[in-house]
Amino acid sequence: MRIAYIAAGLILLAVLLAGCAGTPRPADPIIVKQPVPVSCIKQKPVRPQFPDTDQAILKAPNIAERARLYSAGRLMRIGYIDVLEAAIAACE
């Protein structure tokens, strides 16, 4: 009788272990993060003609005119960079 209990216990243990091994665990999804190119700038801002070119600076008659050309070119570049940064920020 004691052997029957031991045999029944072993069979029950084998069935429980087989039941656990038979149900597969769902696999974890593989997530791949890859940048996707997005065209978000609808219209590229037009680059202005800057007044402080090398030729214009060399042709300036005096230092005051050169300073005026440099100042105007700097202000135009600041405005152009602001427009470009706004276009880039719209993409984010």
C-alpha atoms as a PDB file:
ATOM      1  CA  MET A   1       0.000   0.000   0.000  1.00  0.00           C
ATOM      2  CA  ARG A   2       2.817   2.337   0.838  1.00  0.00           C
ATOM      3  CA  ILE A   3       4.357   1.706  -2.576  1.00  0.00           C
ATOM      4  CA  ALA A   4       1.053   2.660  -4.205  1.00  0.00           C
ATOM      5  CA  TYR A   5       1.089   6.048  -2.466  1.00  0.00           C
ATOM      6  CA  ILE A   6       4.664   6.680  -3.520  1.00  0.00           C
ATOM      7  CA  ALA A   7       3.882   5.668  -7.113  1.00  0.00           C
ATOM      8  CA  ALA A   8       0.764   7.881  -7.153  1.00  0.00           C
ATOM      9  CA  GLY A   9       2.794  10.779  -5.772  1.00  0.00           C
ATOM     10  CA  LEU A  10       5.468  10.324  -8.444  1.00  0.00           C
ATOM     11  CA  ILE A  11       2.867  10.164 -11.186  1.00  0.00           C
ATOM     12  CA  LEU A  12       1.185  13.308  -9.845  1.00  0.00           C
ATOM     13  CA  LEU A  13       4.555  15.090  -9.687  1.00  0.00           C
ATOM     14  CA  ALA A  14       5.370  14.040 -13.266  1.00  0.00           C
ATOM     15  CA  VAL A  15       1.971  15.285 -14.497  1.00  0.00           C
ATOM     16  CA  LEU A  16       2.434  18.657 -12.757  1.00  0.00           C
ATOM     17  CA  LEU A  17       5.920  19.110 -14.167  1.00  0.00           C
ATOM     18  CA  ALA A  18       4.759  18.126 -17.638  1.00  0.00           C
ATOM     19  CA  GLY A  19       1.872  20.593 -17.392  1.00  0.00           C
ATOM     20  CA  CYS A  20       4.214  23.458 -16.574  1.00  0.00           C
ATOM     21  CA  ALA A  21       6.580  22.562 -19.376  1.00  0.00           C
ATOM     22  CA  GLY A  22       3.779  22.284 -21.933  1.00  0.00           C
ATOM     23  CA  THR A  23       2.538  25.891 -21.804  1.00  0.00           C
ATOM     24  CA  PRO A  24       4.965  28.141 -23.671  1.00  0.00           C
ATOM     25  CA  ARG A  25       5.525  31.617 -22.318  1.00  0.00           C
ATOM     26  CA  PRO A  26       4.784  34.338 -24.878  1.00  0.00           C
ATOM     27  CA  ALA A  27       7.963  35.826 -26.263  1.00  0.00           C
ATOM     28  CA  ASP A  28       8.830  39.404 -25.460  1.00  0.00           C
ATOM     29  CA  PRO A  29       8.364  41.687 -28.466  1.00  0.00           C
ATOM     30  CA  ILE A  30      11.532  42.956 -30.102  1.00  0.00           C
ATOM     31  CA  ILE A  31      11.421  46.729 -30.352  1.00  0.00           C
ATOM     32  CA  VAL A  32      13.793  48.361 -32.797  1.00  0.00           C
ATOM     33  CA  LYS A  33      14.092  52.122 -32.582  1.00  0.00           C
ATOM     34  CA  GLN A  34      15.186  53.565 -35.878  1.00  0.00           C
ATOM     35  CA  PRO A  35      14.976  57.207 -36.922  1.00  0.00           C
ATOM     36  CA  VAL A  36      12.611  57.857 -39.769  1.00  0.00           C
ATOM     37  CA  PRO A  37      13.374  60.771 -42.097  1.00  0.00           C
ATOM     38  CA  VAL A  38      10.550  63.272 -42.070  1.00  0.00           C
ATOM     39  CA  SER A  39      10.274  66.187 -44.440  1.00  0.00           C
ATOM     40  CA  CYS A  40       8.681  68.848 -42.304  1.00  0.00           C
ATOM     41  CA  ILE A  41      10.094  72.080 -43.700  1.00  0.00           C
ATOM     42  CA  LYS A  42       7.452  73.071 -46.199  1.00  0.00           C
ATOM     43  CA  GLN A  43       9.316  75.995 -47.685  1.00  0.00           C
ATOM     44  CA  LYS A  44      12.988  76.761 -47.187  1.00  0.00           C
ATOM     45  CA  PRO A  45      13.548  80.422 -46.292  1.00  0.00           C
ATOM     46  CA  VAL A  46      15.219  82.428 -49.025  1.00  0.00           C
ATOM     47  CA  ARG A  47      18.801  83.342 -48.209  1.00  0.00           C
ATOM     48  CA  PRO A  48      19.185  87.128 -48.485  1.00  0.00           C
ATOM     49  CA  GLN A  49      21.983  88.905 -50.307  1.00  0.00           C
ATOM     50  CA  PHE A  50      24.184  90.071 -47.470  1.00  0.00           C
ATOM     51  CA  PRO A  51      25.659  93.565 -47.922  1.00  0.00           C
ATOM     52  CA  ASP A  52      29.007  92.768 -46.269  1.00  0.00           C
ATOM     53  CA  THR A  53      30.583  90.791 -49.097  1.00  0.00           C
ATOM     54  CA  ASP A  54      34.335  90.936 -49.645  1.00  0.00           C
ATOM     55  CA  GLN A  55      33.925  93.075 -52.764  1.00  0.00           C
ATOM     56  CA  ALA A  56      31.619  95.545 -51.021  1.00  0.00           C
ATOM     57  CA  ILE A  57      33.968  95.899 -48.053  1.00  0.00           C
ATOM     58  CA  LEU A  58      36.974  96.479 -50.340  1.00  0.00           C
ATOM     59  CA  LYS A  59      35.079  99.079 -52.389  1.00  0.00           C
ATOM     60  CA  ALA A  60      33.876 100.997 -49.310  1.00  0.00           C
ATOM     61  CA  PRO A  61      35.339 104.529 -49.389  1.00  0.00           C
ATOM     62  CA  ASN A  62      35.960 104.860 -45.645  1.00  0.00           C
ATOM     63  CA  ILE A  63      35.888 103.028 -42.321  1.00  0.00           C
ATOM     64  CA  ALA A  64      32.406 104.320 -41.441  1.00  0.00           C
ATOM     65  CA  GLU A  65      30.932 102.784 -44.590  1.00  0.00           C
ATOM     66  CA  ARG A  66      32.681  99.480 -43.809  1.00  0.00           C
ATOM     67  CA  ALA A  67      31.269  99.514 -40.283  1.00  0.00           C
ATOM     68  CA  ARG A  68      27.786 100.195 -41.675  1.00  0.00           C
ATOM     69  CA  LEU A  69      28.110  97.254 -44.095  1.00  0.00           C
ATOM     70  CA  TYR A  70      29.318  94.917 -41.338  1.00  0.00           C
ATOM     71  CA  SER A  71      26.487  96.005 -39.034  1.00  0.00           C
ATOM     72  CA  ALA A  72      23.807  95.584 -41.698  1.00  0.00           C
ATOM     73  CA  GLY A  73      25.167  92.148 -42.632  1.00  0.00           C
ATOM     74  CA  ARG A  74      25.193  91.045 -39.013  1.00  0.00           C
ATOM     75  CA  LEU A  75      21.590  92.122 -38.453  1.00  0.00           C
ATOM     76  CA  MET A  76      20.476  90.329 -41.624  1.00  0.00           C
ATOM     77  CA  ARG A  77      22.270  87.137 -40.543  1.00  0.00           C
ATOM     78  CA  ILE A  78      20.619  87.240 -37.119  1.00  0.00           C
ATOM     79  CA  GLY A  79      17.194  87.553 -38.761  1.00  0.00           C
ATOM     80  CA  TYR A  80      17.945  84.757 -41.236  1.00  0.00           C
ATOM     81  CA  ILE A  81      19.164  82.445 -38.454  1.00  0.00           C
ATOM     82  CA  ASP A  82      15.993  83.173 -36.449  1.00  0.00           C
ATOM     83  CA  VAL A  83      13.841  82.145 -39.426  1.00  0.00           C
ATOM     84  CA  LEU A  84      15.881  78.941 -39.928  1.00  0.00           C
ATOM     85  CA  GLU A  85      15.681  78.023 -36.228  1.00  0.00           C
ATOM     86  CA  ALA A  86      11.907  78.588 -36.253  1.00  0.00           C
ATOM     87  CA  ALA A  87      11.573  76.262 -39.255  1.00  0.00           C
ATOM     88  CA  ILE A  88      13.672  73.596 -37.512  1.00  0.00           C
ATOM     89  CA  ALA A  89      11.738  73.983 -34.244  1.00  0.00           C
ATOM     90  CA  ALA A  90       8.489  73.390 -36.128  1.00  0.00           C
ATOM     91  CA  CYS A  91       9.780  69.898 -36.978  1.00  0.00           C
ATOM     92  CA  GLU A  92      10.315  68.861 -33.361  1.00  0.00           C
END
